């Protein structure tokens, strides 16, 4: 399966791209914003394309030619301001979804955020991100909603607090983390990347969304439940 990773220079994207490259059943394409980033990835044998989520949808269509799946892990970051958040996390995601639909690339996985599906959480500031956080959650919420109303074979993953710790290989995957008695509310990015690969391998995850947290269940088993 040839997989385009949009946001391959982000922390999850970097881990995922290398995992795809090292696997036996995937072929990675790292979607990168600059030529300098491309050179660094290509130097270690990774396949790359240049893409800018703030440019035209046709640019995305060009780099999606021949791919089997798209993973959207892009994010504007916490310091770029609400304008970038809306243009990358929302408009960039929507353009990617529309490009995939137009080209017939059916499989689409998006990395969202915990509680992005709960409007009462983000719209009333019940989080630790301040006023800017409302833009962040609004962007994630409506990007996910747009994907749910597309014709794509989507999976939406909503991870809890992301850590740079080594992966454990174990996670909690549930429709609603509020049903879990003692959630960890944190998860290594490496486990998110590994979960994305398990999702791509499992047709049972098509047109579904999940909360994703650290846990005690092996990733493959958690995805199969």
Protein backbone atom coordinates (compact mmCIF):
# COMPACT_ATOMS: atom_id res chain seq x y z
CA UNK A 1 0.00 0.00 0.00
CA UNK A 2 1.42 3.36 -1.04
CA UNK A 3 0.72 5.90 1.71
CA UNK A 4 1.06 9.68 1.46
CA UNK A 5 1.76 11.23 4.85
CA UNK A 6 0.65 14.87 4.91
CA UNK A 7 2.55 16.59 7.69
CA UNK A 8 5.48 14.18 7.51
CA UNK A 9 7.81 16.70 9.18
CA UNK A 10 5.67 16.85 12.32
CA UNK A 11 6.58 14.69 15.28
CA UNK A 12 4.03 11.95 14.55
CA UNK A 13 4.67 12.24 10.82
CA UNK A 14 8.40 11.69 11.20
CA UNK A 15 7.89 8.54 13.27
CA UNK A 16 5.15 7.23 10.98
CA UNK A 17 7.10 7.82 7.78
CA UNK A 18 10.08 5.84 9.08
CA UNK A 19 7.83 3.03 10.33
CA UNK A 20 6.14 2.81 6.92
CA UNK A 21 9.55 2.73 5.23
CA UNK A 22 10.77 -0.08 7.49
CA UNK A 23 7.62 -2.18 7.03
CA UNK A 24 7.09 -4.92 4.45
CA UNK A 25 3.56 -3.99 3.37
CA UNK A 26 3.70 -0.20 2.97
CA UNK A 27 5.44 2.27 0.69
CA UNK A 28 5.91 5.72 2.20
CA UNK A 29 5.64 9.11 0.56
CA UNK A 30 6.59 11.92 2.92
CA UNK A 31 4.66 15.11 2.18
CA UNK A 32 6.99 17.99 3.06
CA UNK A 33 6.72 21.74 2.79
CA UNK A 34 10.28 22.68 1.74
CA UNK A 35 13.03 21.37 -0.49
CA UNK A 36 15.44 21.42 2.46
CA UNK A 37 13.18 19.02 4.33
CA UNK A 38 13.02 16.81 1.26
CA UNK A 39 16.79 16.61 0.98
CA UNK A 40 17.12 15.49 4.60
CA UNK A 41 14.53 12.73 4.17
CA UNK A 42 15.86 11.55 0.83
CA UNK A 43 19.36 11.33 2.31
CA UNK A 44 18.16 8.43 4.48
CA UNK A 45 16.27 6.73 1.66
CA UNK A 46 12.74 8.05 2.16
CA UNK A 47 10.47 8.95 -0.75
CA UNK A 48 9.21 12.54 -0.66
CA UNK A 49 7.00 15.08 -2.38
CA UNK A 50 6.72 18.81 -1.81
CA UNK A 51 3.32 20.13 -0.77
CA UNK A 52 2.04 23.31 0.81
CA UNK A 53 -1.39 23.12 2.42
CA UNK A 54 -1.92 26.84 1.92
CA UNK A 55 -1.69 26.55 -1.85
CA UNK A 56 -4.23 25.34 -4.39
CA UNK A 57 -6.06 22.02 -4.13
CA UNK A 58 -4.63 21.07 -7.52
CA UNK A 59 -1.17 20.91 -5.92
CA UNK A 60 -2.48 18.24 -3.56
CA UNK A 61 -4.10 16.39 -6.43
CA UNK A 62 -0.76 16.27 -8.22
CA UNK A 63 1.07 14.64 -5.31
CA UNK A 64 -1.74 12.14 -4.64
CA UNK A 65 -1.42 10.57 -8.06
CA UNK A 66 -1.00 6.80 -7.66
CA UNK A 67 -1.32 6.61 -3.87
CA UNK A 68 -3.58 4.11 -2.09
CA UNK A 69 -4.09 5.97 1.19
CA UNK A 70 -3.60 9.38 2.76
CA UNK A 71 -2.70 10.02 6.39
CA UNK A 72 -3.26 13.61 7.52
CA UNK A 73 -1.06 14.41 10.52
CA UNK A 74 -0.45 18.07 9.72
CA UNK A 75 -0.91 20.80 12.29
CA UNK A 76 0.04 24.43 12.47
CA UNK A 77 1.51 24.19 15.98
CA UNK A 78 0.58 26.11 19.09
CA UNK A 79 2.60 29.26 18.38
CA UNK A 80 1.47 30.18 14.88
CA UNK A 81 -1.78 31.91 15.80
CA UNK A 82 -5.43 31.24 14.93
CA UNK A 83 -5.08 32.25 11.26
CA UNK A 84 -2.55 29.49 10.53
CA UNK A 85 -4.57 27.03 12.58
CA UNK A 86 -7.65 27.60 10.45
CA UNK A 87 -5.72 27.50 7.17
CA UNK A 88 -3.71 24.34 7.97
CA UNK A 89 -5.76 22.28 10.42
CA UNK A 90 -9.12 23.07 8.80
CA UNK A 91 -8.75 24.32 5.23
CA UNK A 92 -5.67 22.20 4.56
CA UNK A 93 -7.52 19.12 5.78
CA UNK A 94 -10.63 19.90 3.72
CA UNK A 95 -8.58 20.47 0.55
CA UNK A 96 -6.80 17.15 1.17
CA UNK A 97 -10.13 15.35 1.58
CA UNK A 98 -11.54 16.94 -1.59
CA UNK A 99 -8.39 16.07 -3.54
CA UNK A 100 -8.60 12.44 -2.38
CA UNK A 101 -12.27 12.28 -3.40
CA UNK A 102 -11.54 13.74 -6.82
CA UNK A 103 -8.72 11.25 -7.50
CA UNK A 104 -10.54 8.23 -6.07
CA UNK A 105 -8.06 7.71 -3.23
CA UNK A 106 -10.56 6.11 -0.88
CA UNK A 107 -8.56 5.43 2.30
CA UNK A 108 -8.04 8.48 4.50
CA UNK A 109 -6.82 8.56 8.11
CA UNK A 110 -6.79 11.82 10.08
CA UNK A 111 -5.15 12.55 13.41
CA UNK A 112 -7.51 14.78 15.37
CA UNK A 113 -7.52 15.60 19.11
CA UNK A 114 -9.29 14.24 22.14
CA UNK A 115 -12.70 15.91 22.66
CA UNK A 116 -12.64 17.57 19.25
CA UNK A 117 -15.95 15.80 18.61
CA UNK A 118 -17.52 17.38 21.71
CA UNK A 119 -18.46 20.92 20.82
CA UNK A 120 -19.46 21.70 24.40
CA UNK A 121 -15.86 21.04 25.43
CA UNK A 122 -14.03 23.37 23.07
CA UNK A 123 -16.58 26.08 22.42
CA UNK A 124 -16.82 27.03 26.09
CA UNK A 125 -13.08 26.91 26.78
CA UNK A 126 -13.07 23.81 28.96
CA UNK A 127 -9.43 23.10 28.14
CA UNK A 128 -5.99 24.45 28.99
CA UNK A 129 -5.22 26.16 25.66
CA UNK A 130 -6.87 29.51 26.31
CA UNK A 131 -8.74 31.47 23.64
CA UNK A 132 -6.48 30.17 20.87
CA UNK A 133 -7.53 26.66 21.82
CA UNK A 134 -11.07 27.39 20.65
CA UNK A 135 -9.72 27.95 17.12
CA UNK A 136 -7.70 24.73 17.38
CA UNK A 137 -10.65 22.64 18.46
CA UNK A 138 -13.00 24.30 15.99
CA UNK A 139 -10.55 23.50 13.18
CA UNK A 140 -10.24 19.86 14.25
CA UNK A 141 -14.00 19.51 14.85
CA UNK A 142 -15.09 20.77 11.45
CA UNK A 143 -12.31 19.00 9.54
CA UNK A 144 -13.44 15.74 11.12
CA UNK A 145 -17.08 16.54 10.38
CA UNK A 146 -16.27 17.27 6.75
CA UNK A 147 -14.43 13.94 6.50
CA UNK A 148 -17.40 12.09 8.03
CA UNK A 149 -19.64 13.53 5.32
CA UNK A 150 -17.26 12.61 2.50
CA UNK A 151 -17.39 9.43 0.43
CA UNK A 152 -13.98 8.30 1.70
CA UNK A 153 -13.11 5.20 3.71
CA UNK A 154 -12.02 7.30 6.66
CA UNK A 155 -10.74 6.67 10.15
CA UNK A 156 -10.53 9.49 12.69
CA UNK A 157 -8.15 9.09 15.64
CA UNK A 158 -8.47 11.42 18.61
CA UNK A 159 -5.34 10.99 20.78
CA UNK A 160 -4.90 12.37 24.27
CA UNK A 161 -1.83 14.38 25.39
CA UNK A 162 1.05 13.50 23.09
CA UNK A 163 4.40 12.51 24.58
CA UNK A 164 7.86 12.07 23.10
CA UNK A 165 8.43 8.97 25.25
CA UNK A 166 9.32 5.62 23.72
CA UNK A 167 6.34 3.64 22.51
CA UNK A 168 4.89 0.95 24.75
CA UNK A 169 3.04 -1.00 22.07
CA UNK A 170 -0.12 -0.80 24.19
CA UNK A 171 -3.08 1.56 23.87
CA UNK A 172 -6.71 2.14 24.74
CA UNK A 173 -9.01 2.47 21.73
CA UNK A 174 -12.65 3.32 22.49
CA UNK A 175 -15.52 5.23 20.95
CA UNK A 176 -15.65 7.56 23.96
CA UNK A 177 -12.87 7.80 26.53
CA UNK A 178 -15.40 9.13 29.06
CA UNK A 179 -16.53 5.51 29.47
CA UNK A 180 -13.08 4.41 30.71
CA UNK A 181 -12.77 4.30 34.49
CA UNK A 182 -9.18 5.55 34.82
CA UNK A 183 -7.91 6.96 31.54
CA UNK A 184 -4.20 7.77 31.33
CA UNK A 185 -4.89 10.90 29.25
CA UNK A 186 -1.47 10.70 27.62
CA UNK A 187 0.09 8.61 24.89
CA UNK A 188 3.52 8.41 23.21
CA UNK A 189 3.57 9.67 19.63
CA UNK A 190 5.27 6.41 18.65
CA UNK A 191 2.17 4.48 19.77
CA UNK A 192 -0.05 6.82 17.75
CA UNK A 193 2.08 6.14 14.67
CA UNK A 194 1.92 2.39 15.26
CA UNK A 195 -1.86 2.62 15.72
CA UNK A 196 -2.18 4.42 12.38
CA UNK A 197 -0.40 1.52 10.68
CA UNK A 198 -2.69 -0.98 12.40
CA UNK A 199 -5.70 1.04 11.26
CA UNK A 200 -4.50 1.00 7.66
CA UNK A 201 -4.22 -2.79 7.84
CA UNK A 202 -7.70 -3.30 9.31
CA UNK A 203 -10.85 -2.84 7.24
CA UNK A 204 -12.94 -2.91 10.42
CA UNK A 205 -11.76 0.65 11.11
CA UNK A 206 -13.27 2.08 7.91
CA UNK A 207 -15.76 4.93 8.44
CA UNK A 208 -15.17 4.94 12.18
CA UNK A 209 -13.72 7.32 14.74
CA UNK A 210 -11.96 6.51 18.00
CA UNK A 211 -10.53 8.10 21.12
CA UNK A 212 -6.93 6.97 21.56
CA UNK A 213 -5.13 6.85 24.89
CA UNK A 214 -2.25 5.06 26.54
CA UNK A 215 -3.28 1.70 27.87
CA UNK A 216 -2.52 -1.95 28.52
CA UNK A 217 -3.88 -3.61 25.38
CA UNK A 218 -1.54 -4.48 22.51
CA UNK A 219 -2.21 -2.17 19.56
CA UNK A 220 -3.26 -4.87 17.09
CA UNK A 221 -5.64 -6.39 19.63
CA UNK A 222 -7.09 -2.99 20.57
CA UNK A 223 -7.78 -2.16 16.93
CA UNK A 224 -9.36 -5.55 16.28
CA UNK A 225 -11.86 -5.20 19.13
